[in-house]
Structures are given as C-alpha cells and as structure tokens.
Amino acid sequence: MLAHIETAVTAGWPRVLKINRRGAEQRRQRALRGWPTKPGYDRDEWPMAMARRSWRTHVAYVPSAQNRGAGATIGVKLRRFCDGVRFTVVGY
C-alpha cells in the first residue's frame, strides 16, 4: 500500500489529506467502476474515499491482507478526529 501511495503522490495526487466521511461509500463505488475484482487483491484508492470530495482517485491492485491491515490501522487512528481535520499517512 505504501508503494501505491508513493506512486500516486508522484503522479500528482496529494500527500496531505482531509477527512470527509459523508458520501465516502458513493465516491468509492463510482471510483471503482471499471476496475474488476482480482482474487487475492483489493482495489486500493489514493486518496481514500473518506479523504476526498470527488470520486476521482488513483486506483491500484494491492494484496488484500496488506490493504485491509493498513486500512484498519488508519481507521483506528483517525476515528477520534472530526471531518475537516488534515492528516498524512506515514509508513514505518
């Protein structure tokens, strides 16, 4: 997932994001149209649906376990923050 973030940022997508939870599911559904599922992989979005205002995003296939683990960790870290808070994803 970190490799996907770096690829997306290099392509011009933002590194600093802002929480925008309302409408995330609809943005995700629209962004992933035309990206078929692949066994063992998730369709990862950058910026993630809960951190953008448009359906437009950079999509890449990443291993499911890696994507879901990272998503769970990010979700726990951001749960306490309100919409509008800016954040950056940092890898260790």
PDB file of N, CA and C in Angstrom:
ATOM      1  N   MET A   1       0.817  -1.189   0.000  1.00  0.00           N
ATOM      2  CA  MET A   1       0.000   0.000   0.000  1.00  0.00           C
ATOM      3  C   MET A   1       0.863   1.257   0.000  1.00  0.00           C
ATOM      4  N   LEU A   2       1.951   1.262   0.756  1.00  0.00           N
ATOM      5  CA  LEU A   2       2.819   2.439   0.762  1.00  0.00           C
ATOM      6  C   LEU A   2       3.407   2.710  -0.625  1.00  0.00           C
ATOM      7  N   ALA A   3       3.709   1.635  -1.354  1.00  0.00           N
ATOM      8  CA  ALA A   3       4.220   1.813  -2.713  1.00  0.00           C
ATOM      9  C   ALA A   3       3.161   2.484  -3.582  1.00  0.00           C
ATOM     10  N   HIS A   4       1.898   2.103  -3.388  1.00  0.00           N
ATOM     11  CA  HIS A   4       0.819   2.728  -4.158  1.00  0.00           C
ATOM     12  C   HIS A   4       0.706   4.205  -3.799  1.00  0.00           C
ATOM     13  N   ILE A   5       0.808   4.546  -2.521  1.00  0.00           N
ATOM     14  CA  ILE A   5       0.729   5.949  -2.109  1.00  0.00           C
ATOM     15  C   ILE A   5       1.838   6.754  -2.779  1.00  0.00           C
ATOM     16  N   GLU A   6       3.056   6.238  -2.745  1.00  0.00           N
ATOM     17  CA  GLU A   6       4.182   6.955  -3.355  1.00  0.00           C
ATOM     18  C   GLU A   6       3.985   7.126  -4.863  1.00  0.00           C
ATOM     19  N   THR A   7       3.479   6.093  -5.526  1.00  0.00           N
ATOM     20  CA  THR A   7       3.206   6.180  -6.965  1.00  0.00           C
ATOM     21  C   THR A   7       2.160   7.257  -7.240  1.00  0.00           C
ATOM     22  N   ALA A   8       1.090   7.272  -6.444  1.00  0.00           N
ATOM     23  CA  ALA A   8       0.017   8.251  -6.638  1.00  0.00           C
ATOM     24  C   ALA A   8       0.504   9.669  -6.360  1.00  0.00           C
ATOM     25  N   VAL A   9       1.272   9.852  -5.295  1.00  0.00           N
ATOM     26  CA  VAL A   9       1.781  11.184  -4.958  1.00  0.00           C
ATOM     27  C   VAL A   9       2.726  11.671  -6.048  1.00  0.00           C
ATOM     28  N   THR A  10       3.577  10.785  -6.550  1.00  0.00           N
ATOM     29  CA  THR A  10       4.490  11.143  -7.636  1.00  0.00           C
ATOM     30  C   THR A  10       3.708  11.554  -8.889  1.00  0.00           C
ATOM     31  N   ALA A  11       2.533  10.946  -9.077  1.00  0.00           N
ATOM     32  CA  ALA A  11       1.693  11.267 -10.238  1.00  0.00           C
ATOM     33  C   ALA A  11       0.864  12.538 -10.028  1.00  0.00           C
ATOM     34  N   GLY A  12       1.022  13.182  -8.858  1.00  0.00           N
ATOM     35  CA  GLY A  12       0.330  14.448  -8.640  1.00  0.00           C
ATOM     36  C   GLY A  12      -0.801  14.427  -7.634  1.00  0.00           C
ATOM     37  N   TRP A  13      -1.118  13.282  -7.076  1.00  0.00           N
ATOM     38  CA  TRP A  13      -2.171  13.204  -6.068  1.00  0.00           C
ATOM     39  C   TRP A  13      -1.633  13.725  -4.740  1.00  0.00           C
ATOM     40  N   PRO A  14      -2.479  14.283  -3.877  1.00  0.00           N
ATOM     41  CA  PRO A  14      -1.988  14.930  -2.654  1.00  0.00           C
ATOM     42  C   PRO A  14      -1.437  13.954  -1.619  1.00  0.00           C
ATOM     43  N   ARG A  15      -0.462  14.424  -0.849  1.00  0.00           N
ATOM     44  CA  ARG A  15       0.074  13.664   0.284  1.00  0.00           C
ATOM     45  C   ARG A  15      -0.701  14.018   1.562  1.00  0.00           C
ATOM     46  N   VAL A  16      -1.034  15.305   1.719  1.00  0.00           N
ATOM     47  CA  VAL A  16      -1.802  15.755   2.881  1.00  0.00           C
ATOM     48  C   VAL A  16      -3.278  15.662   2.517  1.00  0.00           C
ATOM     49  N   LEU A  17      -4.032  14.944   3.349  1.00  0.00           N
ATOM     50  CA  LEU A  17      -5.451  14.696   3.080  1.00  0.00           C
ATOM     51  C   LEU A  17      -6.317  15.349   4.147  1.00  0.00           C
ATOM     52  N   LYS A  18      -7.617  15.431   3.868  1.00  0.00           N
ATOM     53  CA  LYS A  18      -8.561  15.993   4.823  1.00  0.00           C
ATOM     54  C   LYS A  18      -9.739  15.038   4.966  1.00  0.00           C
ATOM     55  N   ILE A  19     -10.111  14.738   6.202  1.00  0.00           N
ATOM     56  CA  ILE A  19     -11.210  13.810   6.469  1.00  0.00           C
ATOM     57  C   ILE A  19     -12.514  14.397   5.938  1.00  0.00           C
ATOM     58  N   ASN A  20     -13.252  13.570   5.176  1.00  0.00           N
ATOM     59  CA  ASN A  20     -14.542  13.942   4.606  1.00  0.00           C
ATOM     60  C   ASN A  20     -15.370  12.668   4.485  1.00  0.00           C
ATOM     61  N   ARG A  21     -15.917  12.226   5.605  1.00  0.00           N
ATOM     62  CA  ARG A  21     -16.589  10.921   5.659  1.00  0.00           C
ATOM     63  C   ARG A  21     -17.912  10.868   4.896  1.00  0.00           C
ATOM     64  N   ARG A  22     -18.681  11.948   4.927  1.00  0.00           N
ATOM     65  CA  ARG A  22     -20.001  11.930   4.290  1.00  0.00           C
ATOM     66  C   ARG A  22     -19.861  11.672   2.791  1.00  0.00           C
ATOM     67  N   GLY A  23     -20.546  10.652   2.289  1.00  0.00           N
ATOM     68  CA  GLY A  23     -20.533  10.324   0.865  1.00  0.00           C
ATOM     69  C   GLY A  23     -19.379   9.432   0.430  1.00  0.00           C
ATOM     70  N   ALA A  24     -18.584   8.950   1.391  1.00  0.00           N
ATOM     71  CA  ALA A  24     -17.413   8.137   1.046  1.00  0.00           C
ATOM     72  C   ALA A  24     -17.797   6.878   0.271  1.00  0.00           C
ATOM     73  N   GLU A  25     -18.832   6.208   0.694  1.00  0.00           N
ATOM     74  CA  GLU A  25     -19.217   4.948   0.027  1.00  0.00           C
ATOM     75  C   GLU A  25     -19.618   5.196  -1.426  1.00  0.00           C
ATOM     76  N   GLN A  26     -20.354   6.276  -1.687  1.00  0.00           N
ATOM     77  CA  GLN A  26     -20.746   6.596  -3.057  1.00  0.00           C
ATOM     78  C   GLN A  26     -19.517   6.959  -3.905  1.00  0.00           C
ATOM     79  N   ARG A  27     -18.589   7.714  -3.329  1.00  0.00           N
ATOM     80  CA  ARG A  27     -17.363   8.050  -4.067  1.00  0.00           C
ATOM     81  C   ARG A  27     -16.566   6.785  -4.394  1.00  0.00           C
ATOM     82  N   ARG A  28     -16.479   5.874  -3.422  1.00  0.00           N
ATOM     83  CA  ARG A  28     -15.739   4.621  -3.641  1.00  0.00           C
ATOM     84  C   ARG A  28     -16.384   3.808  -4.762  1.00  0.00           C
ATOM     85  N   GLN A  29     -17.698   3.646  -4.720  1.00  0.00           N
ATOM     86  CA  GLN A  29     -18.382   2.854  -5.745  1.00  0.00           C
ATOM     87  C   GLN A  29     -18.147   3.429  -7.137  1.00  0.00           C
ATOM     88  N   ARG A  30     -18.246   4.736  -7.262  1.00  0.00           N
ATOM     89  CA  ARG A  30     -18.059   5.352  -8.585  1.00  0.00           C
ATOM     90  C   ARG A  30     -16.603   5.233  -9.047  1.00  0.00           C
ATOM     91  N   ALA A  31     -15.665   5.422  -8.136  1.00  0.00           N
ATOM     92  CA  ALA A  31     -14.245   5.361  -8.496  1.00  0.00           C
ATOM     93  C   ALA A  31     -13.829   3.973  -8.965  1.00  0.00           C
ATOM     94  N   LEU A  32     -14.445   2.933  -8.410  1.00  0.00           N
ATOM     95  CA  LEU A  32     -14.027   1.567  -8.722  1.00  0.00           C
ATOM     96  C   LEU A  32     -14.776   0.957  -9.908  1.00  0.00           C
ATOM     97  N   ARG A  33     -15.697   1.695 -10.492  1.00  0.00           N
ATOM     98  CA  ARG A  33     -16.361   1.214 -11.710  1.00  0.00           C
ATOM     99  C   ARG A  33     -15.306   0.967 -12.770  1.00  0.00           C
ATOM    100  N   GLY A  34     -15.415  -0.158 -13.438  1.00  0.00           N
ATOM    101  CA  GLY A  34     -14.466  -0.472 -14.496  1.00  0.00           C
ATOM    102  C   GLY A  34     -13.180  -1.118 -13.996  1.00  0.00           C
ATOM    103  N   TRP A  35     -13.040  -1.285 -12.698  1.00  0.00           N
ATOM    104  CA  TRP A  35     -11.891  -1.972 -12.107  1.00  0.00           C
ATOM    105  C   TRP A  35     -12.387  -3.303 -11.569  1.00  0.00           C
ATOM    106  N   PRO A  36     -12.281  -4.384 -12.347  1.00  0.00           N
ATOM    107  CA  PRO A  36     -12.795  -5.682 -11.886  1.00  0.00           C
ATOM    108  C   PRO A  36     -12.007  -6.188 -10.677  1.00  0.00           C
ATOM    109  N   THR A  37     -12.682  -6.978  -9.862  1.00  0.00           N
ATOM    110  CA  THR A  37     -12.002  -7.575  -8.718  1.00  0.00           C
ATOM    111  C   THR A  37     -11.028  -8.641  -9.197  1.00  0.00           C
ATOM    112  N   LYS A  38      -9.990  -8.887  -8.398  1.00  0.00           N
ATOM    113  CA  LYS A  38      -8.996  -9.917  -8.690  1.00  0.00           C
ATOM    114  C   LYS A  38      -8.777 -10.725  -7.416  1.00  0.00           C
ATOM    115  N   PRO A  39      -8.815 -12.056  -7.507  1.00  0.00           N
ATOM    116  CA  PRO A  39      -8.608 -12.880  -6.312  1.00  0.00           C
ATOM    117  C   PRO A  39      -7.276 -12.544  -5.625  1.00  0.00           C
ATOM    118  N   GLY A  40      -7.341 -12.341  -4.313  1.00  0.00           N
ATOM    119  CA  GLY A  40      -6.151 -12.059  -3.525  1.00  0.00           C
ATOM    120  C   GLY A  40      -5.725 -10.602  -3.510  1.00  0.00           C
ATOM    121  N   TYR A  41      -6.456  -9.749  -4.234  1.00  0.00           N
ATOM    122  CA  TYR A  41      -6.097  -8.331  -4.312  1.00  0.00           C
ATOM    123  C   TYR A  41      -7.304  -7.451  -4.012  1.00  0.00           C
ATOM    124  N   ASP A  42      -7.029  -6.281  -3.466  1.00  0.00           N
ATOM    125  CA  ASP A  42      -8.040  -5.234  -3.303  1.00  0.00           C
ATOM    126  C   ASP A  42      -7.739  -4.122  -4.281  1.00  0.00           C
ATOM    127  N   ARG A  43      -8.756  -3.362  -4.612  1.00  0.00           N
ATOM    128  CA  ARG A  43      -8.590  -2.175  -5.437  1.00  0.00           C
ATOM    129  C   ARG A  43      -8.389  -1.012  -4.467  1.00  0.00           C
ATOM    130  N   ASP A  44      -7.165  -0.572  -4.340  1.00  0.00           N
ATOM    131  CA  ASP A  44      -6.809   0.470  -3.384  1.00  0.00           C
ATOM    132  C   ASP A  44      -6.929   1.834  -4.039  1.00  0.00           C
ATOM    133  N   GLU A  45      -7.451   2.787  -3.301  1.00  0.00           N
ATOM    134  CA  GLU A  45      -7.637   4.143  -3.821  1.00  0.00           C
ATOM    135  C   GLU A  45      -6.728   5.116  -3.077  1.00  0.00           C
ATOM    136  N   TRP A  46      -6.179   6.071  -3.808  1.00  0.00           N
ATOM    137  CA  TRP A  46      -5.466   7.183  -3.179  1.00  0.00           C
ATOM    138  C   TRP A  46      -5.823   8.457  -3.892  1.00  0.00           C
ATOM    139  N   PRO A  47      -6.337   9.457  -3.219  1.00  0.00           N
ATOM    140  CA  PRO A  47      -6.706   9.468  -1.824  1.00  0.00           C
ATOM    141  C   PRO A  47      -7.872   8.528  -1.559  1.00  0.00           C
ATOM    142  N   MET A  48      -7.932   8.041  -0.338  1.00  0.00           N
ATOM    143  CA  MET A  48      -9.007   7.129   0.052  1.00  0.00           C
ATOM    144  C   MET A  48     -10.348   7.863   0.042  1.00  0.00           C
ATOM    145  N   ALA A  49     -11.428   7.098  -0.089  1.00  0.00           N
ATOM    146  CA  ALA A  49     -12.762   7.684  -0.248  1.00  0.00           C
ATOM    147  C   ALA A  49     -13.142   8.621   0.891  1.00  0.00           C
ATOM    148  N   MET A  50     -12.718   8.307   2.114  1.00  0.00           N
ATOM    149  CA  MET A  50     -13.090   9.149   3.255  1.00  0.00           C
ATOM    150  C   MET A  50     -12.223  10.406   3.376  1.00  0.00           C
ATOM    151  N   ALA A  51     -11.342  10.613   2.392  1.00  0.00           N
ATOM    152  CA  ALA A  51     -10.444  11.761   2.461  1.00  0.00           C
ATOM    153  C   ALA A  51     -10.400  12.520   1.139  1.00  0.00           C
ATOM    154  N   ARG A  52     -11.512  12.529   0.434  1.00  0.00           N
ATOM    155  CA  ARG A  52     -11.576  13.320  -0.797  1.00  0.00           C
ATOM    156  C   ARG A  52     -13.006  13.791  -1.006  1.00  0.00           C
ATOM    157  N   ARG A  53     -13.189  14.745  -1.892  1.00  0.00           N
ATOM    158  CA  ARG A  53     -14.516  15.299  -2.156  1.00  0.00           C
ATOM    159  C   ARG A  53     -15.084  14.797  -3.480  1.00  0.00           C
ATOM    160  N   SER A  54     -14.234  14.316  -4.363  1.00  0.00           N
ATOM    161  CA  SER A  54     -14.638  13.863  -5.688  1.00  0.00           C
ATOM    162  C   SER A  54     -14.533  12.345  -5.765  1.00  0.00           C
ATOM    163  N   TRP A  55     -15.149  11.771  -6.772  1.00  0.00           N
ATOM    164  CA  TRP A  55     -14.990  10.327  -6.996  1.00  0.00           C
ATOM    165  C   TRP A  55     -13.651  10.028  -7.648  1.00  0.00           C
ATOM    166  N   ARG A  56     -12.997  11.031  -8.219  1.00  0.00           N
ATOM    167  CA  ARG A  56     -11.719  10.804  -8.912  1.00  0.00           C
ATOM    168  C   ARG A  56     -10.631  10.411  -7.923  1.00  0.00           C
ATOM    169  N   THR A  57      -9.846   9.404  -8.312  1.00  0.00           N
ATOM    170  CA  THR A  57      -8.803   8.887  -7.438  1.00  0.00           C
ATOM    171  C   THR A  57      -7.829   8.045  -8.248  1.00  0.00           C
ATOM    172  N   HIS A  58      -6.694   7.745  -7.681  1.00  0.00           N
ATOM    173  CA  HIS A  58      -5.709   6.839  -8.277  1.00  0.00           C
ATOM    174  C   HIS A  58      -6.014   5.448  -7.729  1.00  0.00           C
ATOM    175  N   VAL A  59      -6.181   4.472  -8.598  1.00  0.00           N
ATOM    176  CA  VAL A  59      -6.523   3.110  -8.173  1.00  0.00           C
ATOM    177  C   VAL A  59      -5.405   2.155  -8.565  1.00  0.00           C
ATOM    178  N   ALA A  60      -5.103   1.224  -7.666  1.00  0.00           N
ATOM    179  CA  ALA A  60      -4.107   0.182  -7.944  1.00  0.00           C
ATOM    180  C   ALA A  60      -4.525  -1.091  -7.232  1.00  0.00           C
ATOM    181  N   TYR A  61      -4.117  -2.225  -7.785  1.00  0.00           N
ATOM    182  CA  TYR A  61      -4.349  -3.503  -7.112  1.00  0.00           C
ATOM    183  C   TYR A  61      -3.230  -3.720  -6.098  1.00  0.00           C
ATOM    184  N   VAL A  62      -3.615  -4.024  -4.855  1.00  0.00           N
ATOM    185  CA  VAL A  62      -2.634  -4.331  -3.808  1.00  0.00           C
ATOM    186  C   VAL A  62      -3.086  -5.608  -3.102  1.00  0.00           C
ATOM    187  N   PRO A  63      -2.160  -6.363  -2.517  1.00  0.00           N
ATOM    188  CA  PRO A  63      -2.548  -7.583  -1.812  1.00  0.00           C
ATOM    189  C   PRO A  63      -3.603  -7.284  -0.738  1.00  0.00           C
ATOM    190  N   SER A  64      -4.641  -8.100  -0.701  1.00  0.00           N
ATOM    191  CA  SER A  64      -5.772  -7.865   0.195  1.00  0.00           C
ATOM    192  C   SER A  64      -5.356  -7.730   1.652  1.00  0.00           C
ATOM    193  N   ALA A  65      -4.532  -8.641   2.143  1.00  0.00           N
ATOM    194  CA  ALA A  65      -4.151  -8.602   3.556  1.00  0.00           C
ATOM    195  C   ALA A  65      -3.430  -7.296   3.888  1.00  0.00           C
ATOM    196  N   GLN A  66      -2.562  -6.864   3.012  1.00  0.00           N
ATOM    197  CA  GLN A  66      -1.816  -5.621   3.231  1.00  0.00           C
ATOM    198  C   GLN A  66      -2.771  -4.426   3.268  1.00  0.00           C
ATOM    199  N   ASN A  67      -3.681  -4.364   2.319  1.00  0.00           N
ATOM    200  CA  ASN A  67      -4.603  -3.243   2.231  1.00  0.00           C
ATOM    201  C   ASN A  67      -5.558  -3.204   3.424  1.00  0.00           C
ATOM    202  N   ARG A  68      -6.089  -4.319   3.803  1.00  0.00           N
ATOM    203  CA  ARG A  68      -7.060  -4.352   4.900  1.00  0.00           C
ATOM    204  C   ARG A  68      -6.403  -4.066   6.245  1.00  0.00           C
ATOM    205  N   GLY A  69      -5.186  -4.567   6.432  1.00  0.00           N
ATOM    206  CA  GLY A  69      -4.461  -4.266   7.664  1.00  0.00           C
ATOM    207  C   GLY A  69      -4.161  -2.780   7.784  1.00  0.00           C
ATOM    208  N   ALA A  70      -3.694  -2.192   6.691  1.00  0.00           N
ATOM    209  CA  ALA A  70      -3.385  -0.759   6.690  1.00  0.00           C
ATOM    210  C   ALA A  70      -4.657   0.061   6.875  1.00  0.00           C
ATOM    211  N   GLY A  71      -5.720  -0.342   6.205  1.00  0.00           N
ATOM    212  CA  GLY A  71      -6.988   0.380   6.329  1.00  0.00           C
ATOM    213  C   GLY A  71      -7.532   0.347   7.743  1.00  0.00           C
ATOM    214  N   ALA A  72      -7.423  -0.804   8.404  1.00  0.00           N
ATOM    215  CA  ALA A  72      -7.890  -0.923   9.786  1.00  0.00           C
ATOM    216  C   ALA A  72      -7.067  -0.021  10.706  1.00  0.00           C
ATOM    217  N   THR A  73      -5.766  -0.014  10.510  1.00  0.00           N
ATOM    218  CA  THR A  73      -4.889   0.814  11.341  1.00  0.00           C
ATOM    219  C   THR A  73      -5.193   2.299  11.150  1.00  0.00           C
ATOM    220  N   ILE A  74      -5.331   2.719   9.905  1.00  0.00           N
ATOM    221  CA  ILE A  74      -5.644   4.121   9.629  1.00  0.00           C
ATOM    222  C   ILE A  74      -7.001   4.485  10.216  1.00  0.00           C
ATOM    223  N   GLY A  75      -7.976   3.591  10.068  1.00  0.00           N
ATOM    224  CA  GLY A  75      -9.308   3.837  10.615  1.00  0.00           C
ATOM    225  C   GLY A  75      -9.296   4.045  12.120  1.00  0.00           C
ATOM    226  N   VAL A  76      -8.536   3.225  12.836  1.00  0.00           N
ATOM    227  CA  VAL A  76      -8.442   3.352  14.290  1.00  0.00           C
ATOM    228  C   VAL A  76      -7.794   4.681  14.663  1.00  0.00           C
ATOM    229  N   LYS A  77      -6.728   5.041  13.963  1.00  0.00           N
ATOM    230  CA  LYS A  77      -6.012   6.285  14.271  1.00  0.00           C
ATOM    231  C   LYS A  77      -6.868   7.528  14.008  1.00  0.00           C
ATOM    232  N   LEU A  78      -7.714   7.480  12.975  1.00  0.00           N
ATOM    233  CA  LEU A  78      -8.486   8.665  12.596  1.00  0.00           C
ATOM    234  C   LEU A  78      -9.878   8.721  13.213  1.00  0.00           C
ATOM    235  N   ARG A  79     -10.303   7.671  13.851  1.00  0.00           N
ATOM    236  CA  ARG A  79     -11.668   7.573  14.400  1.00  0.00           C
ATOM    237  C   ARG A  79     -12.023   8.763  15.294  1.00  0.00           C
ATOM    238  N   ARG A  80     -11.095   9.216  16.089  1.00  0.00           N
ATOM    239  CA  ARG A  80     -11.382  10.271  17.079  1.00  0.00           C
ATOM    240  C   ARG A  80     -11.425  11.675  16.479  1.00  0.00           C
ATOM    241  N   PHE A  81     -11.048  11.820  15.218  1.00  0.00           N
ATOM    242  CA  PHE A  81     -10.993  13.139  14.605  1.00  0.00           C
ATOM    243  C   PHE A  81     -12.252  13.445  13.801  1.00  0.00           C
ATOM    244  N   CYS A  82     -12.607  14.721  13.761  1.00  0.00           N
ATOM    245  CA  CYS A  82     -13.795  15.188  13.045  1.00  0.00           C
ATOM    246  C   CYS A  82     -13.472  15.437  11.573  1.00  0.00           C
ATOM    247  N   ASP A  83     -14.526  15.509  10.772  1.00  0.00           N
ATOM    248  CA  ASP A  83     -14.361  15.898   9.378  1.00  0.00           C
ATOM    249  C   ASP A  83     -13.665  17.257   9.321  1.00  0.00           C
ATOM    250  N   GLY A  84     -12.846  17.432   8.317  1.00  0.00           N
ATOM    251  CA  GLY A  84     -12.113  18.671   8.150  1.00  0.00           C
ATOM    252  C   GLY A  84     -10.692  18.639   8.669  1.00  0.00           C
ATOM    253  N   VAL A  85     -10.365  17.629   9.490  1.00  0.00           N
ATOM    254  CA  VAL A  85      -9.016  17.514  10.031  1.00  0.00           C
ATOM    255  C   VAL A  85      -8.081  17.014   8.932  1.00  0.00           C
ATOM    256  N   ARG A  86      -6.936  17.642   8.798  1.00  0.00           N
ATOM    257  CA  ARG A  86      -5.933  17.244   7.806  1.00  0.00           C
ATOM    258  C   ARG A  86      -5.000  16.214   8.424  1.00  0.00           C
ATOM    259  N   PHE A  87      -4.510  15.279   7.578  1.00  0.00           N
ATOM    260  CA  PHE A  87      -3.601  14.245   8.060  1.00  0.00           C
ATOM    261  C   PHE A  87      -2.715  13.762   6.914  1.00  0.00           C
ATOM    262  N   THR A  88      -1.656  13.078   7.287  1.00  0.00           N
ATOM    263  CA  THR A  88      -0.726  12.471   6.339  1.00  0.00           C
ATOM    264  C   THR A  88      -0.499  11.036   6.774  1.00  0.00           C
ATOM    265  N   VAL A  89      -0.479  10.104   5.837  1.00  0.00           N
ATOM    266  CA  VAL A  89      -0.180   8.705   6.138  1.00  0.00           C
ATOM    267  C   VAL A  89       1.334   8.538   6.079  1.00  0.00           C
ATOM    268  N   VAL A  90       1.900   8.011   7.171  1.00  0.00           N
ATOM    269  CA  VAL A  90       3.333   7.833   7.270  1.00  0.00           C
ATOM    270  C   VAL A  90       3.616   6.354   7.507  1.00  0.00           C
ATOM    271  N   GLY A  91       4.507   5.768   6.736  1.00  0.00           N
ATOM    272  CA  GLY A  91       4.876   4.368   6.922  1.00  0.00           C
ATOM    273  C   GLY A  91       6.038   4.232   7.877  1.00  0.00           C
ATOM    274  N   TYR A  92       6.135   3.083   8.502  1.00  0.00           N
ATOM    275  CA  TYR A  92       7.223   2.830   9.448  1.00  0.00           C
ATOM    276  C   TYR A  92       8.185   1.827   8.864  1.00  0.00           C
TER     277      TYR A  92
END
